[in-house]
């Protein structure tokens, strides 16, 4: 089945739309999922530390977002969507 030009244009606009701003992740949920792999701290400490790290990474991304190339932003954001654990630290490391 051939892909029409309009489908390509529409798809490319969706990728750009995703990359226009810092993505919105549910860090509390991601941190709770991540706690299962964390050892040595209490659950509350682990979640709090994770959320603090994520908020710091999100602020850093927000300040630098426009400086990263659009294709890189789109690629790193979509990679996070595949894994299920959507975290800003990972997007920042990717970029």
C-alpha atoms as a PDB file:
ATOM      1  CA  UNK A   1       0.000   0.000   0.000  1.00  0.00           C
ATOM      2  CA  UNK A   2       1.708   3.225  -1.123  1.00  0.00           C
ATOM      3  CA  UNK A   3       1.983   6.102   1.321  1.00  0.00           C
ATOM      4  CA  UNK A   4       0.543   9.328   0.000  1.00  0.00           C
ATOM      5  CA  UNK A   5       2.335  12.649   0.180  1.00  0.00           C
ATOM      6  CA  UNK A   6      -0.357  14.029   2.466  1.00  0.00           C
ATOM      7  CA  UNK A   7       0.241  11.179   4.958  1.00  0.00           C
ATOM      8  CA  UNK A   8       3.965  11.971   5.028  1.00  0.00           C
ATOM      9  CA  UNK A   9       3.299  15.668   5.619  1.00  0.00           C
ATOM     10  CA  UNK A  10       0.738  14.928   8.327  1.00  0.00           C
ATOM     11  CA  UNK A  11       3.097  12.484  10.059  1.00  0.00           C
ATOM     12  CA  UNK A  12       6.013  14.897   9.984  1.00  0.00           C
ATOM     13  CA  UNK A  13       3.875  17.618  11.551  1.00  0.00           C
ATOM     14  CA  UNK A  14       2.931  15.294  14.400  1.00  0.00           C
ATOM     15  CA  UNK A  15       6.605  14.630  15.148  1.00  0.00           C
ATOM     16  CA  UNK A  16       7.392  18.332  15.154  1.00  0.00           C
ATOM     17  CA  UNK A  17       4.412  19.039  17.411  1.00  0.00           C
ATOM     18  CA  UNK A  18       5.731  16.519  19.936  1.00  0.00           C
ATOM     19  CA  UNK A  19       9.169  18.130  19.845  1.00  0.00           C
ATOM     20  CA  UNK A  20       7.976  21.759  20.127  1.00  0.00           C
ATOM     21  CA  UNK A  21       7.859  21.762  23.926  1.00  0.00           C
ATOM     22  CA  UNK A  22       9.214  19.761  26.822  1.00  0.00           C
ATOM     23  CA  UNK A  23       7.103  16.593  27.060  1.00  0.00           C
ATOM     24  CA  UNK A  24       4.769  16.150  30.018  1.00  0.00           C
ATOM     25  CA  UNK A  25       5.489  12.964  31.975  1.00  0.00           C
ATOM     26  CA  UNK A  26       3.829  11.615  35.114  1.00  0.00           C
ATOM     27  CA  UNK A  27       7.012  11.554  37.189  1.00  0.00           C
ATOM     28  CA  UNK A  28       5.301  10.317  40.342  1.00  0.00           C
ATOM     29  CA  UNK A  29       4.083   7.225  38.496  1.00  0.00           C
ATOM     30  CA  UNK A  30       7.452   6.663  36.825  1.00  0.00           C
ATOM     31  CA  UNK A  31       9.264   7.055  40.132  1.00  0.00           C
ATOM     32  CA  UNK A  32       6.953   4.585  41.858  1.00  0.00           C
ATOM     33  CA  UNK A  33       7.683   2.058  39.108  1.00  0.00           C
ATOM     34  CA  UNK A  34      11.402   2.750  39.438  1.00  0.00           C
ATOM     35  CA  UNK A  35      11.409   2.193  43.209  1.00  0.00           C
ATOM     36  CA  UNK A  36      11.164  -1.553  42.665  1.00  0.00           C
ATOM     37  CA  UNK A  37      14.726  -1.446  41.309  1.00  0.00           C
ATOM     38  CA  UNK A  38      16.073   0.812  44.080  1.00  0.00           C
ATOM     39  CA  UNK A  39      17.781  -0.678  47.103  1.00  0.00           C
ATOM     40  CA  UNK A  40      19.097   0.860  50.302  1.00  0.00           C
ATOM     41  CA  UNK A  41      16.602   3.692  50.854  1.00  0.00           C
ATOM     42  CA  UNK A  42      13.111   3.579  52.219  1.00  0.00           C
ATOM     43  CA  UNK A  43      10.324   3.660  49.656  1.00  0.00           C
ATOM     44  CA  UNK A  44       9.347   7.219  50.627  1.00  0.00           C
ATOM     45  CA  UNK A  45      12.957   8.436  50.396  1.00  0.00           C
ATOM     46  CA  UNK A  46      13.435   6.724  47.032  1.00  0.00           C
ATOM     47  CA  UNK A  47      10.277   8.224  45.540  1.00  0.00           C
ATOM     48  CA  UNK A  48      11.052  11.691  46.919  1.00  0.00           C
ATOM     49  CA  UNK A  49      14.624  11.572  45.614  1.00  0.00           C
ATOM     50  CA  UNK A  50      13.439  10.362  42.210  1.00  0.00           C
ATOM     51  CA  UNK A  51      10.786  13.079  41.931  1.00  0.00           C
ATOM     52  CA  UNK A  52      13.347  15.743  42.912  1.00  0.00           C
ATOM     53  CA  UNK A  53      15.772  14.473  40.242  1.00  0.00           C
ATOM     54  CA  UNK A  54      13.003  14.463  37.646  1.00  0.00           C
ATOM     55  CA  UNK A  55      11.848  17.983  38.506  1.00  0.00           C
ATOM     56  CA  UNK A  56      15.439  19.223  38.268  1.00  0.00           C
ATOM     57  CA  UNK A  57      15.896  17.519  34.877  1.00  0.00           C
ATOM     58  CA  UNK A  58      12.597  18.960  33.607  1.00  0.00           C
ATOM     59  CA  UNK A  59      13.654  22.498  34.599  1.00  0.00           C
ATOM     60  CA  UNK A  60      16.990  21.985  32.857  1.00  0.00           C
ATOM     61  CA  UNK A  61      15.246  20.681  29.737  1.00  0.00           C
ATOM     62  CA  UNK A  62      12.819  23.598  29.759  1.00  0.00           C
ATOM     63  CA  UNK A  63      15.702  26.045  29.840  1.00  0.00           C
ATOM     64  CA  UNK A  64      17.606  24.365  27.017  1.00  0.00           C
ATOM     65  CA  UNK A  65      14.815  22.775  24.931  1.00  0.00           C
ATOM     66  CA  UNK A  66      14.936  25.216  22.018  1.00  0.00           C
ATOM     67  CA  UNK A  67      18.730  24.823  21.761  1.00  0.00           C
ATOM     68  CA  UNK A  68      18.456  21.123  20.885  1.00  0.00           C
ATOM     69  CA  UNK A  69      17.802  20.239  17.229  1.00  0.00           C
ATOM     70  CA  UNK A  70      14.148  19.379  16.523  1.00  0.00           C
ATOM     71  CA  UNK A  71      14.947  15.899  15.116  1.00  0.00           C
ATOM     72  CA  UNK A  72      16.893  15.052  18.287  1.00  0.00           C
ATOM     73  CA  UNK A  73      14.070  16.273  20.527  1.00  0.00           C
ATOM     74  CA  UNK A  74      11.545  14.197  18.587  1.00  0.00           C
ATOM     75  CA  UNK A  75      13.764  11.116  18.602  1.00  0.00           C
ATOM     76  CA  UNK A  76      14.578  11.250  22.309  1.00  0.00           C
ATOM     77  CA  UNK A  77      10.958  11.936  23.264  1.00  0.00           C
ATOM     78  CA  UNK A  78       9.646   9.061  21.183  1.00  0.00           C
ATOM     79  CA  UNK A  79      12.300   6.720  22.600  1.00  0.00           C
ATOM     80  CA  UNK A  80      10.954   7.481  26.075  1.00  0.00           C
ATOM     81  CA  UNK A  81       7.432   6.655  24.930  1.00  0.00           C
ATOM     82  CA  UNK A  82       8.519   3.176  23.828  1.00  0.00           C
ATOM     83  CA  UNK A  83      10.011   2.093  27.149  1.00  0.00           C
ATOM     84  CA  UNK A  84       6.997   2.882  29.306  1.00  0.00           C
ATOM     85  CA  UNK A  85       9.169   4.571  31.965  1.00  0.00           C
ATOM     86  CA  UNK A  86       8.858   8.177  30.867  1.00  0.00           C
ATOM     87  CA  UNK A  87      11.524  10.127  32.676  1.00  0.00           C
ATOM     88  CA  UNK A  88      13.119  13.515  32.042  1.00  0.00           C
ATOM     89  CA  UNK A  89      16.565  12.378  33.159  1.00  0.00           C
ATOM     90  CA  UNK A  90      16.595   9.913  30.270  1.00  0.00           C
ATOM     91  CA  UNK A  91      15.486  12.511  27.726  1.00  0.00           C
ATOM     92  CA  UNK A  92      18.166  14.878  28.998  1.00  0.00           C
ATOM     93  CA  UNK A  93      20.825  12.177  28.746  1.00  0.00           C
ATOM     94  CA  UNK A  94      19.642  11.306  25.229  1.00  0.00           C
ATOM     95  CA  UNK A  95      19.914  14.911  24.091  1.00  0.00           C
END
